[in-house]
């Protein structure tokens, strides 16, 4: 097996995890702007950030699962770190978007 092909198979997993975080964040943002007051049984104004935390946790677990499923040990840490870093950026942007709704 060629050194370049060992990590190519896992890179699609990085994009998959980013897509999961984008979809999850978009759902949370849409619900926040639609006027959802109760998140997971708690009606606090900052609970939307808890929902974003759950999306981030799902993205991290998904990143590890996808990279383990790729069965490519070379570059595992780099691919997993890229997956998680991208998910953190997506969730950070989503948190900035919902901040005006949560403080009002």
C-alpha atoms as a PDB file:
ATOM      1  CA  UNK A   1       0.000   0.000   0.000  1.00  0.00           C
ATOM      2  CA  UNK A   2       1.231   3.404  -0.948  1.00  0.00           C
ATOM      3  CA  UNK A   3       1.825   6.018   1.806  1.00  0.00           C
ATOM      4  CA  UNK A   4      -0.550   8.549   0.230  1.00  0.00           C
ATOM      5  CA  UNK A   5      -3.430   6.090  -0.043  1.00  0.00           C
ATOM      6  CA  UNK A   6      -3.297   5.179   3.659  1.00  0.00           C
ATOM      7  CA  UNK A   7      -4.699   8.511   4.767  1.00  0.00           C
ATOM      8  CA  UNK A   8      -6.926   9.239   1.767  1.00  0.00           C
ATOM      9  CA  UNK A   9      -9.578   6.777   2.910  1.00  0.00           C
ATOM     10  CA  UNK A  10      -9.881   8.453   6.308  1.00  0.00           C
ATOM     11  CA  UNK A  11     -10.158  11.982   4.966  1.00  0.00           C
ATOM     12  CA  UNK A  12     -13.689  11.396   3.766  1.00  0.00           C
ATOM     13  CA  UNK A  13     -14.485  10.620   7.402  1.00  0.00           C
ATOM     14  CA  UNK A  14     -13.253  14.081   8.387  1.00  0.00           C
ATOM     15  CA  UNK A  15     -15.715  15.666   5.972  1.00  0.00           C
ATOM     16  CA  UNK A  16     -18.473  13.375   7.234  1.00  0.00           C
ATOM     17  CA  UNK A  17     -17.935  14.530  10.825  1.00  0.00           C
ATOM     18  CA  UNK A  18     -17.949  18.161   9.728  1.00  0.00           C
ATOM     19  CA  UNK A  19     -21.226  17.539   7.915  1.00  0.00           C
ATOM     20  CA  UNK A  20     -22.717  15.968  11.045  1.00  0.00           C
ATOM     21  CA  UNK A  21     -21.734  19.002  13.102  1.00  0.00           C
ATOM     22  CA  UNK A  22     -23.074  21.439  10.486  1.00  0.00           C
ATOM     23  CA  UNK A  23     -26.411  19.621  10.273  1.00  0.00           C
ATOM     24  CA  UNK A  24     -26.743  19.355  14.054  1.00  0.00           C
ATOM     25  CA  UNK A  25     -25.791  22.988  14.585  1.00  0.00           C
ATOM     26  CA  UNK A  26     -28.217  24.113  11.878  1.00  0.00           C
ATOM     27  CA  UNK A  27     -31.041  22.234  13.592  1.00  0.00           C
ATOM     28  CA  UNK A  28     -30.224  23.800  16.968  1.00  0.00           C
ATOM     29  CA  UNK A  29     -29.943  27.292  15.466  1.00  0.00           C
ATOM     30  CA  UNK A  30     -33.243  26.872  13.599  1.00  0.00           C
ATOM     31  CA  UNK A  31     -34.991  25.696  16.755  1.00  0.00           C
ATOM     32  CA  UNK A  32     -33.496  28.537  18.776  1.00  0.00           C
ATOM     33  CA  UNK A  33     -34.715  31.145  16.323  1.00  0.00           C
ATOM     34  CA  UNK A  34     -38.137  29.485  16.053  1.00  0.00           C
ATOM     35  CA  UNK A  35     -38.725  30.229  19.725  1.00  0.00           C
ATOM     36  CA  UNK A  36     -38.010  26.908  21.408  1.00  0.00           C
ATOM     37  CA  UNK A  37     -37.970  27.622  25.136  1.00  0.00           C
ATOM     38  CA  UNK A  38     -37.276  24.195  26.584  1.00  0.00           C
ATOM     39  CA  UNK A  39     -34.174  22.146  25.834  1.00  0.00           C
ATOM     40  CA  UNK A  40     -33.899  18.666  27.322  1.00  0.00           C
ATOM     41  CA  UNK A  41     -36.366  19.400  30.110  1.00  0.00           C
ATOM     42  CA  UNK A  42     -34.758  22.660  31.240  1.00  0.00           C
ATOM     43  CA  UNK A  43     -36.272  25.993  30.308  1.00  0.00           C
ATOM     44  CA  UNK A  44     -33.259  28.141  31.123  1.00  0.00           C
ATOM     45  CA  UNK A  45     -32.218  30.800  28.624  1.00  0.00           C
ATOM     46  CA  UNK A  46     -28.730  29.342  28.177  1.00  0.00           C
ATOM     47  CA  UNK A  47     -29.816  25.763  27.530  1.00  0.00           C
ATOM     48  CA  UNK A  48     -29.390  26.254  23.796  1.00  0.00           C
ATOM     49  CA  UNK A  49     -25.660  26.067  24.489  1.00  0.00           C
ATOM     50  CA  UNK A  50     -26.227  22.721  26.183  1.00  0.00           C
ATOM     51  CA  UNK A  51     -27.871  21.500  22.996  1.00  0.00           C
ATOM     52  CA  UNK A  52     -24.860  22.686  21.013  1.00  0.00           C
ATOM     53  CA  UNK A  53     -22.646  20.825  23.490  1.00  0.00           C
ATOM     54  CA  UNK A  54     -24.537  17.637  22.742  1.00  0.00           C
ATOM     55  CA  UNK A  55     -23.995  18.189  19.019  1.00  0.00           C
ATOM     56  CA  UNK A  56     -20.279  18.650  19.710  1.00  0.00           C
ATOM     57  CA  UNK A  57     -20.167  15.498  21.825  1.00  0.00           C
ATOM     58  CA  UNK A  58     -21.888  13.539  19.057  1.00  0.00           C
ATOM     59  CA  UNK A  59     -19.358  14.918  16.577  1.00  0.00           C
ATOM     60  CA  UNK A  60     -16.401  13.874  18.749  1.00  0.00           C
ATOM     61  CA  UNK A  61     -17.783  10.367  19.227  1.00  0.00           C
ATOM     62  CA  UNK A  62     -18.551  10.210  15.513  1.00  0.00           C
ATOM     63  CA  UNK A  63     -15.009  11.335  14.674  1.00  0.00           C
ATOM     64  CA  UNK A  64     -13.474   8.559  16.730  1.00  0.00           C
ATOM     65  CA  UNK A  65     -15.888   5.947  15.397  1.00  0.00           C
ATOM     66  CA  UNK A  66     -15.396   6.932  11.766  1.00  0.00           C
ATOM     67  CA  UNK A  67     -11.621   7.010  12.059  1.00  0.00           C
ATOM     68  CA  UNK A  68     -11.529   3.670  13.840  1.00  0.00           C
ATOM     69  CA  UNK A  69     -13.826   2.213  11.186  1.00  0.00           C
ATOM     70  CA  UNK A  70     -11.473   3.381   8.434  1.00  0.00           C
ATOM     71  CA  UNK A  71      -8.905   0.863   9.773  1.00  0.00           C
ATOM     72  CA  UNK A  72      -6.033   3.105   8.703  1.00  0.00           C
ATOM     73  CA  UNK A  73      -3.604   3.500  11.625  1.00  0.00           C
ATOM     74  CA  UNK A  74      -1.280   5.860   9.760  1.00  0.00           C
ATOM     75  CA  UNK A  75      -2.436   9.417  10.377  1.00  0.00           C
ATOM     76  CA  UNK A  76      -5.206   8.450  12.820  1.00  0.00           C
ATOM     77  CA  UNK A  77      -4.403  11.217  15.288  1.00  0.00           C
ATOM     78  CA  UNK A  78      -4.145  13.860  12.562  1.00  0.00           C
ATOM     79  CA  UNK A  79      -7.471  12.853  11.001  1.00  0.00           C
ATOM     80  CA  UNK A  80      -9.251  12.620  14.354  1.00  0.00           C
ATOM     81  CA  UNK A  81      -7.837  16.000  15.415  1.00  0.00           C
ATOM     82  CA  UNK A  82      -8.918  17.594  12.129  1.00  0.00           C
ATOM     83  CA  UNK A  83     -12.401  16.147  12.572  1.00  0.00           C
ATOM     84  CA  UNK A  84     -12.768  17.443  16.123  1.00  0.00           C
ATOM     85  CA  UNK A  85     -11.192  20.836  15.348  1.00  0.00           C
ATOM     86  CA  UNK A  86     -13.578  21.382  12.452  1.00  0.00           C
ATOM     87  CA  UNK A  87     -16.538  20.420  14.619  1.00  0.00           C
ATOM     88  CA  UNK A  88     -15.392  22.853  17.344  1.00  0.00           C
ATOM     89  CA  UNK A  89     -15.198  25.670  14.792  1.00  0.00           C
ATOM     90  CA  UNK A  90     -18.694  24.866  13.489  1.00  0.00           C
ATOM     91  CA  UNK A  91     -20.155  24.761  17.012  1.00  0.00           C
ATOM     92  CA  UNK A  92     -18.345  27.995  17.918  1.00  0.00           C
ATOM     93  CA  UNK A  93     -19.882  29.768  14.940  1.00  0.00           C
ATOM     94  CA  UNK A  94     -23.308  28.357  15.831  1.00  0.00           C
ATOM     95  CA  UNK A  95     -22.884  29.550  19.436  1.00  0.00           C
ATOM     96  CA  UNK A  96     -22.120  33.056  18.187  1.00  0.00           C
ATOM     97  CA  UNK A  97     -25.218  32.931  15.978  1.00  0.00           C
ATOM     98  CA  UNK A  98     -27.565  31.906  18.805  1.00  0.00           C
ATOM     99  CA  UNK A  99     -26.050  34.255  21.402  1.00  0.00           C
ATOM    100  CA  UNK A 100     -28.471  37.122  20.652  1.00  0.00           C
ATOM    101  CA  UNK A 101     -31.457  34.793  21.043  1.00  0.00           C
ATOM    102  CA  UNK A 102     -30.265  33.262  24.292  1.00  0.00           C
ATOM    103  CA  UNK A 103     -29.668  36.535  26.124  1.00  0.00           C
ATOM    104  CA  UNK A 104     -33.021  38.037  25.217  1.00  0.00           C
END
